[in-house]
Amino acid sequence: MYRRVARTSHRKETQIQTLRVLQVLRVLKDLRVLRDLVLRRIWSFKDLVLRRVWSFKDLVLRRIWSFKDLVVRRIWSFKDLVLRRIWSFKDLVLRRVWSFKDLVQRRCGGLFLGDYDICLSLYHSTNSSNNTGPGGATRNWLNTGNRGHVFPSRRPSMHLAVLKSKLL
């Protein structure tokens, strides 16, 4: 009786291990195929996501390419990613995919509708005496006009003028 139980449990363990190996191989094969598809330009990344082969979120989570690479390689512009509501701009910044500062400095898709609201919320959410809280570094950057000089003035009206000129 003991031998039967031992054999059965050993078989189950073997089956589970086999299934795990097959799953890993399947994922690796999927990754290789996906990479080939994109590199050979049979399908663009845009098509892959639109055809729901994989969602954009999965593509990033599976680390096929980092989000940074996807935008830098111009597979999709940052503007398109947000406008198509794959991820909201706020989520991207909160998840620390890119800091707001980097996004504007790198000019990935430029400034677009929705940025101004987020920029103002970051600007006004900070305490004037504290630069270390949420948005503190952003406020500092907005006020001082460091690298990029996108927001050279301390006046919110000037910020609006700069943003409007970027949008046009």
Protein backbone atom coordinates (compact mmCIF):
# COMPACT_ATOMS: atom_id res chain seq x y z
CA MET A 1 0.00 0.00 0.00
CA TYR A 2 2.80 2.41 0.94
CA ARG A 3 4.61 1.69 -2.36
CA ARG A 4 1.47 2.50 -4.38
CA VAL A 5 1.05 5.86 -2.66
CA ALA A 6 4.73 6.64 -3.14
CA ARG A 7 4.54 5.75 -6.86
CA THR A 8 1.40 7.83 -7.36
CA SER A 9 2.84 10.88 -5.64
CA HIS A 10 6.10 10.49 -7.60
CA ARG A 11 4.11 10.35 -10.87
CA LYS A 12 2.16 13.47 -9.94
CA GLU A 13 5.36 15.34 -9.10
CA THR A 14 6.89 14.26 -12.41
CA GLN A 15 3.79 15.39 -14.30
CA ILE A 16 3.79 18.76 -12.53
CA GLN A 17 7.48 19.28 -13.31
CA THR A 18 6.92 18.33 -16.95
CA LEU A 19 4.04 20.81 -17.20
CA ARG A 20 6.18 23.56 -15.69
CA VAL A 21 8.98 22.90 -18.16
CA LEU A 22 6.50 22.94 -21.05
CA GLN A 23 5.05 26.24 -19.84
CA VAL A 24 8.49 27.81 -19.63
CA LEU A 25 9.37 26.53 -23.12
CA ARG A 26 6.07 27.86 -24.44
CA VAL A 27 6.71 31.32 -22.99
CA LEU A 28 10.26 31.33 -24.38
CA LYS A 29 8.95 30.27 -27.77
CA ASP A 30 6.30 33.00 -27.63
CA LEU A 31 8.93 35.58 -26.76
CA ARG A 32 11.18 34.45 -29.60
CA VAL A 33 8.33 34.41 -32.10
CA LEU A 34 7.11 37.83 -30.97
CA ARG A 35 10.60 39.31 -31.25
CA ASP A 36 11.03 37.81 -34.72
CA LEU A 37 7.64 39.12 -35.80
CA VAL A 38 8.53 42.63 -34.77
CA LEU A 39 12.13 42.56 -36.03
CA ARG A 40 11.08 41.15 -39.40
CA ARG A 41 8.30 43.75 -39.49
CA ILE A 42 5.64 41.16 -40.30
CA TRP A 43 3.59 42.83 -37.63
CA SER A 44 4.35 46.03 -35.86
CA PHE A 45 3.99 46.23 -32.08
CA LYS A 46 0.97 48.44 -32.73
CA ASP A 47 -0.73 45.65 -34.66
CA LEU A 48 0.18 43.04 -32.06
CA VAL A 49 -1.55 45.03 -29.35
CA LEU A 50 -4.50 46.09 -31.50
CA ARG A 51 -5.05 42.46 -32.56
CA ARG A 52 -4.96 41.59 -28.85
CA VAL A 53 -2.15 39.08 -29.21
CA TRP A 54 -0.85 40.55 -26.00
CA SER A 55 -1.90 43.64 -24.13
CA PHE A 56 0.66 46.41 -23.80
CA LYS A 57 0.70 45.92 -20.03
CA ASP A 58 1.69 42.26 -20.50
CA LEU A 59 4.41 43.19 -22.97
CA VAL A 60 6.04 45.44 -20.41
CA LEU A 61 5.44 43.13 -17.45
CA ARG A 62 6.94 40.18 -19.36
CA ARG A 63 10.00 42.38 -19.99
CA ILE A 64 10.13 41.76 -23.74
CA TRP A 65 11.09 45.36 -24.01
CA SER A 66 11.08 47.98 -21.31
CA PHE A 67 8.60 50.84 -21.67
CA LYS A 68 11.50 53.22 -22.15
CA ASP A 69 12.79 51.20 -25.13
CA LEU A 70 9.33 51.00 -26.69
CA VAL A 71 9.04 54.77 -26.78
CA VAL A 72 12.69 55.46 -27.64
CA ARG A 73 12.51 53.00 -30.56
CA ARG A 74 9.40 54.90 -31.73
CA ILE A 75 7.23 51.80 -31.92
CA TRP A 76 4.58 53.95 -30.37
CA SER A 77 4.81 57.57 -29.41
CA PHE A 78 4.09 58.38 -25.79
CA LYS A 79 1.16 60.53 -26.94
CA ASP A 80 -0.51 57.55 -28.63
CA LEU A 81 0.00 55.32 -25.60
CA VAL A 82 -1.84 57.71 -23.32
CA LEU A 83 -4.51 58.81 -25.79
CA ARG A 84 -5.39 55.16 -26.46
CA ARG A 85 -5.81 54.76 -22.67
CA ILE A 86 -3.44 51.80 -22.43
CA TRP A 87 -2.11 53.46 -19.34
CA SER A 88 -3.04 56.89 -18.05
CA PHE A 89 -0.26 59.46 -17.80
CA LYS A 90 -0.78 59.66 -14.04
CA ASP A 91 -0.34 55.88 -13.64
CA LEU A 92 2.86 55.91 -15.68
CA VAL A 93 4.41 58.55 -13.44
CA LEU A 94 3.06 57.03 -10.21
CA ARG A 95 4.37 53.59 -11.19
CA ARG A 96 7.78 55.24 -11.69
CA VAL A 97 8.10 54.05 -15.29
CA TRP A 98 9.42 57.50 -16.00
CA SER A 99 9.51 60.61 -13.88
CA PHE A 100 7.55 63.61 -15.12
CA LYS A 101 10.84 65.50 -15.45
CA ASP A 102 12.34 62.88 -17.77
CA LEU A 103 9.20 62.69 -19.89
CA VAL A 104 9.22 66.41 -20.61
CA GLN A 105 13.00 66.70 -21.00
CA ARG A 106 13.11 63.81 -23.46
CA ARG A 107 10.10 65.32 -25.29
CA CYS A 108 8.57 61.92 -25.98
CA GLY A 109 5.52 62.95 -27.95
CA GLY A 110 5.82 66.44 -26.50
CA LEU A 111 3.25 67.92 -24.15
CA PHE A 112 -0.34 67.03 -24.93
CA LEU A 113 -3.83 67.44 -23.56
CA GLY A 114 -4.01 66.24 -19.99
CA ASP A 115 -0.40 67.08 -19.13
CA TYR A 116 -1.28 70.54 -17.93
CA ASP A 117 -3.81 69.27 -15.37
CA ILE A 118 -1.32 66.76 -13.99
CA CYS A 119 1.43 69.35 -13.98
CA LEU A 120 -0.73 71.79 -12.03
CA SER A 121 -1.89 69.12 -9.59
CA LEU A 122 1.74 68.23 -8.92
CA TYR A 123 2.57 71.92 -8.62
CA HIS A 124 -0.23 72.76 -6.19
CA SER A 125 -0.16 69.51 -4.18
CA THR A 126 3.19 70.39 -2.62
CA ASN A 127 3.74 72.33 0.55
CA SER A 128 5.71 75.52 -0.08
CA SER A 129 8.07 74.77 2.84
CA ASN A 130 8.72 71.15 1.94
CA ASN A 131 10.50 69.96 -1.20
CA THR A 132 10.69 66.29 -0.23
CA GLY A 133 6.98 65.36 -0.27
CA PRO A 134 5.04 64.03 -3.28
CA GLY A 135 5.74 66.32 -6.20
CA GLY A 136 8.32 68.34 -4.26
CA ALA A 137 11.13 67.69 -6.71
CA THR A 138 8.76 68.44 -9.58
CA ARG A 139 7.75 71.75 -8.03
CA ASN A 140 11.39 72.64 -7.54
CA TRP A 141 12.09 71.86 -11.17
CA LEU A 142 9.06 73.85 -12.36
CA ASN A 143 10.08 76.90 -10.36
CA THR A 144 13.80 76.97 -11.00
CA GLY A 145 13.66 76.16 -14.69
CA ASN A 146 16.56 73.72 -14.62
CA ARG A 147 17.60 71.60 -17.61
CA GLY A 148 15.22 71.94 -20.54
CA HIS A 149 13.92 75.38 -19.45
CA VAL A 150 10.36 74.34 -20.19
CA PHE A 151 8.96 76.30 -17.26
CA PRO A 152 11.26 79.30 -16.77
CA SER A 153 8.83 81.43 -14.76
CA ARG A 154 7.37 81.16 -11.26
CA ARG A 155 4.03 82.53 -12.46
CA PRO A 156 1.32 79.90 -13.25
CA SER A 157 0.06 82.11 -16.10
CA MET A 158 3.46 81.77 -17.76
CA HIS A 159 3.27 77.97 -17.35
CA LEU A 160 -0.09 77.98 -19.13
CA ALA A 161 1.30 80.10 -21.97
CA VAL A 162 4.26 77.74 -22.43
CA LEU A 163 2.01 74.68 -22.37
CA LYS A 164 -0.41 76.20 -24.86
CA SER A 165 2.45 77.02 -27.22
CA LYS A 166 3.66 73.41 -26.92
CA LEU A 167 0.19 72.08 -27.70
CA LEU A 168 -0.23 74.17 -30.85
